[in-house]
């Protein structure tokens, strides 16, 4: 397992993290580890958007749509 050191966090940030950890009956280390693990477990927005984009099968131009409307009007 890797070790991660964070430097240059503001005192306010550290205080808030400690407060939240205590509220959850966790050590600061356990709390921040859980935060990071939840963050990487959720897919990145870019990945979600890429999957949606890959699933979109219809690529119609405005011209295609207008042509279809015109053809329907003729029938």
N, C-alpha and C. Protein backbone atom coordinates (compact mmCIF):
# COMPACT_ATOMS: atom_id res chain seq x y z
N UNK A 1 0.85 -1.17 0.00
CA UNK A 1 0.00 0.00 0.00
C UNK A 1 0.90 1.24 0.00
N UNK A 2 0.53 2.23 -0.75
CA UNK A 2 1.33 3.44 -0.89
C UNK A 2 1.07 4.41 0.26
N UNK A 3 2.02 5.31 0.45
CA UNK A 3 1.89 6.36 1.44
C UNK A 3 1.78 7.69 0.71
N UNK A 4 0.88 8.53 1.18
CA UNK A 4 0.64 9.82 0.55
C UNK A 4 0.81 10.90 1.61
N UNK A 5 1.62 11.90 1.30
CA UNK A 5 1.80 13.04 2.20
C UNK A 5 1.19 14.26 1.55
N UNK A 6 0.44 15.03 2.32
CA UNK A 6 -0.14 16.27 1.83
C UNK A 6 0.51 17.43 2.55
N UNK A 7 0.98 18.38 1.79
CA UNK A 7 1.62 19.55 2.37
C UNK A 7 0.83 20.79 1.99
N UNK A 8 1.05 21.82 2.75
CA UNK A 8 0.51 23.15 2.47
C UNK A 8 -1.01 23.21 2.55
N UNK A 9 -1.61 22.37 3.38
CA UNK A 9 -3.04 22.50 3.64
C UNK A 9 -3.23 23.63 4.64
N UNK A 10 -4.28 24.40 4.46
CA UNK A 10 -4.53 25.48 5.41
C UNK A 10 -4.92 24.90 6.76
N UNK A 11 -4.67 25.66 7.81
CA UNK A 11 -5.06 25.23 9.15
C UNK A 11 -6.56 24.99 9.23
N UNK A 12 -7.32 25.83 8.54
CA UNK A 12 -8.78 25.68 8.55
C UNK A 12 -9.21 24.35 7.94
N UNK A 13 -8.55 23.97 6.86
CA UNK A 13 -8.87 22.70 6.20
C UNK A 13 -8.56 21.53 7.12
N UNK A 14 -7.41 21.56 7.74
CA UNK A 14 -7.03 20.46 8.64
C UNK A 14 -7.97 20.39 9.82
N UNK A 15 -8.32 21.54 10.38
CA UNK A 15 -9.25 21.58 11.51
C UNK A 15 -10.60 20.99 11.11
N UNK A 16 -11.09 21.37 9.95
CA UNK A 16 -12.39 20.86 9.49
C UNK A 16 -12.33 19.36 9.23
N UNK A 17 -11.26 18.89 8.63
CA UNK A 17 -11.12 17.45 8.40
C UNK A 17 -11.08 16.69 9.72
N UNK A 18 -10.36 17.21 10.70
CA UNK A 18 -10.31 16.57 12.01
C UNK A 18 -11.69 16.56 12.67
N UNK A 19 -12.42 17.65 12.54
CA UNK A 19 -13.77 17.73 13.11
C UNK A 19 -14.69 16.71 12.47
N UNK A 20 -14.64 16.62 11.15
CA UNK A 20 -15.50 15.65 10.45
C UNK A 20 -15.11 14.22 10.77
N UNK A 21 -13.81 13.97 10.88
CA UNK A 21 -13.34 12.63 11.24
C UNK A 21 -13.86 12.24 12.62
N UNK A 22 -13.73 13.16 13.58
CA UNK A 22 -14.21 12.88 14.94
C UNK A 22 -15.71 12.65 14.95
N UNK A 23 -16.44 13.44 14.17
CA UNK A 23 -17.89 13.28 14.09
C UNK A 23 -18.27 11.90 13.57
N UNK A 24 -17.42 11.33 12.72
CA UNK A 24 -17.67 10.00 12.15
C UNK A 24 -16.96 8.89 12.93
N UNK A 25 -16.41 9.26 14.11
CA UNK A 25 -15.72 8.29 14.95
C UNK A 25 -14.58 7.62 14.19
N UNK A 26 -13.82 8.44 13.44
CA UNK A 26 -12.70 7.94 12.67
C UNK A 26 -11.46 8.78 12.97
N UNK A 27 -10.33 8.18 12.73
CA UNK A 27 -9.10 8.96 12.79
C UNK A 27 -9.04 9.84 11.54
N UNK A 28 -8.18 10.85 11.61
CA UNK A 28 -8.01 11.71 10.44
C UNK A 28 -7.54 10.89 9.24
N UNK A 29 -6.64 9.97 9.49
CA UNK A 29 -6.12 9.12 8.41
C UNK A 29 -7.23 8.27 7.80
N UNK A 30 -8.04 7.63 8.63
CA UNK A 30 -9.12 6.78 8.11
C UNK A 30 -10.15 7.61 7.36
N UNK A 31 -10.46 8.79 7.89
CA UNK A 31 -11.45 9.65 7.24
C UNK A 31 -10.97 10.13 5.87
N UNK A 32 -9.73 10.61 5.80
CA UNK A 32 -9.23 11.10 4.51
C UNK A 32 -9.02 9.96 3.52
N UNK A 33 -8.64 8.79 4.02
CA UNK A 33 -8.51 7.63 3.12
C UNK A 33 -9.86 7.29 2.51
N UNK A 34 -10.91 7.28 3.34
CA UNK A 34 -12.26 6.98 2.85
C UNK A 34 -12.71 8.03 1.84
N UNK A 35 -12.40 9.31 2.10
CA UNK A 35 -12.74 10.37 1.14
C UNK A 35 -12.10 10.13 -0.22
N UNK A 36 -10.81 9.83 -0.19
CA UNK A 36 -10.09 9.60 -1.45
C UNK A 36 -10.58 8.35 -2.16
N UNK A 37 -10.87 7.31 -1.42
CA UNK A 37 -11.37 6.07 -2.04
C UNK A 37 -12.74 6.28 -2.66
N UNK A 38 -13.61 7.05 -2.01
CA UNK A 38 -14.92 7.36 -2.60
C UNK A 38 -14.76 8.18 -3.87
N UNK A 39 -13.83 9.11 -3.84
CA UNK A 39 -13.60 9.98 -5.00
C UNK A 39 -13.18 9.17 -6.22
N UNK A 40 -12.25 8.24 -6.04
CA UNK A 40 -11.79 7.47 -7.20
C UNK A 40 -12.75 6.35 -7.58
N UNK A 41 -13.64 5.96 -6.67
CA UNK A 41 -14.62 4.92 -7.00
C UNK A 41 -15.70 5.45 -7.93
N UNK A 42 -15.99 6.73 -7.82
CA UNK A 42 -17.01 7.34 -8.69
C UNK A 42 -16.36 7.65 -10.04
N UNK A 43 -17.06 7.38 -11.13
CA UNK A 43 -16.47 7.68 -12.44
C UNK A 43 -16.31 9.19 -12.63
N UNK A 44 -15.27 9.55 -13.32
CA UNK A 44 -15.04 10.96 -13.63
C UNK A 44 -16.12 11.43 -14.62
N UNK A 45 -16.50 12.67 -14.50
CA UNK A 45 -17.52 13.24 -15.38
C UNK A 45 -17.16 13.05 -16.85
N UNK A 46 -15.89 13.24 -17.17
CA UNK A 46 -15.44 13.08 -18.56
C UNK A 46 -15.70 11.66 -19.06
N UNK A 47 -15.48 10.67 -18.18
CA UNK A 47 -15.72 9.28 -18.57
C UNK A 47 -17.20 9.00 -18.79
N UNK A 48 -18.04 9.54 -17.93
CA UNK A 48 -19.49 9.37 -18.08
C UNK A 48 -19.95 9.99 -19.39
N UNK A 49 -19.50 11.20 -19.66
CA UNK A 49 -19.89 11.88 -20.90
C UNK A 49 -19.38 11.13 -22.13
N UNK A 50 -18.19 10.57 -22.04
CA UNK A 50 -17.64 9.81 -23.18
C UNK A 50 -18.48 8.56 -23.43
N UNK A 51 -18.92 7.88 -22.35
CA UNK A 51 -19.76 6.70 -22.53
C UNK A 51 -21.11 7.06 -23.13
N UNK A 52 -21.68 8.16 -22.69
CA UNK A 52 -22.96 8.61 -23.26
C UNK A 52 -22.78 8.93 -24.73
N UNK A 53 -21.72 9.65 -25.04
CA UNK A 53 -21.44 10.02 -26.43
C UNK A 53 -21.29 8.78 -27.31
N UNK A 54 -20.64 7.75 -26.79
CA UNK A 54 -20.43 6.52 -27.55
C UNK A 54 -21.75 5.78 -27.79
N UNK A 55 -22.71 5.97 -26.90
CA UNK A 55 -23.99 5.27 -27.04
C UNK A 55 -24.96 5.98 -27.97
N UNK A 56 -24.71 7.23 -28.26
CA UNK A 56 -25.60 7.98 -29.13
C UNK A 56 -25.42 7.45 -30.55
N UNK A 57 -26.50 6.92 -31.10
CA UNK A 57 -26.37 6.29 -32.42
C UNK A 57 -26.86 7.20 -33.54
N UNK A 58 -27.74 8.11 -33.26
CA UNK A 58 -28.31 8.96 -34.31
C UNK A 58 -27.55 10.27 -34.40
N UNK A 59 -27.02 10.53 -35.55
CA UNK A 59 -26.33 11.79 -35.81
C UNK A 59 -27.01 12.44 -37.00
N UNK A 60 -27.98 13.28 -36.72
CA UNK A 60 -28.73 13.92 -37.79
C UNK A 60 -28.35 15.39 -37.87
N UNK A 61 -28.19 15.84 -39.06
CA UNK A 61 -27.95 17.27 -39.25
C UNK A 61 -29.29 17.99 -39.34
N UNK A 62 -29.24 19.28 -39.24
CA UNK A 62 -30.45 20.08 -39.40
C UNK A 62 -31.05 19.83 -40.77
N UNK A 63 -30.22 19.72 -41.77
CA UNK A 63 -30.69 19.46 -43.14
C UNK A 63 -31.41 18.12 -43.23
N UNK A 64 -30.87 17.08 -42.57
CA UNK A 64 -31.54 15.77 -42.57
C UNK A 64 -32.93 15.87 -41.96
N UNK A 65 -33.03 16.57 -40.87
CA UNK A 65 -34.32 16.72 -40.18
C UNK A 65 -35.32 17.48 -41.05
N UNK A 66 -34.87 18.57 -41.64
CA UNK A 66 -35.76 19.34 -42.51
C UNK A 66 -36.19 18.54 -43.73
N UNK A 67 -35.31 17.75 -44.29
CA UNK A 67 -35.66 16.88 -45.42
C UNK A 67 -36.73 15.86 -45.01
N UNK A 68 -36.58 15.27 -43.84
CA UNK A 68 -37.57 14.31 -43.36
C UNK A 68 -38.93 14.97 -43.15
N UNK A 69 -38.93 16.17 -42.60
CA UNK A 69 -40.19 16.90 -42.40
C UNK A 69 -40.84 17.18 -43.74
N UNK A 70 -40.06 17.61 -44.69
CA UNK A 70 -40.59 17.91 -46.02
C UNK A 70 -41.15 16.65 -46.68
N UNK A 71 -40.48 15.54 -46.56
CA UNK A 71 -40.97 14.28 -47.13
C UNK A 71 -42.28 13.86 -46.47
N UNK A 72 -42.40 14.04 -45.18
CA UNK A 72 -43.66 13.70 -44.49
C UNK A 72 -44.80 14.59 -44.95
N UNK A 73 -44.52 15.83 -45.21
CA UNK A 73 -45.57 16.75 -45.68
C UNK A 73 -46.08 16.35 -47.06
N UNK A 74 -45.23 15.79 -47.89
CA UNK A 74 -45.62 15.37 -49.23
C UNK A 74 -46.53 14.16 -49.21
N UNK A 75 -46.43 13.36 -48.20
CA UNK A 75 -47.24 12.12 -48.13
C UNK A 75 -48.52 12.37 -47.51
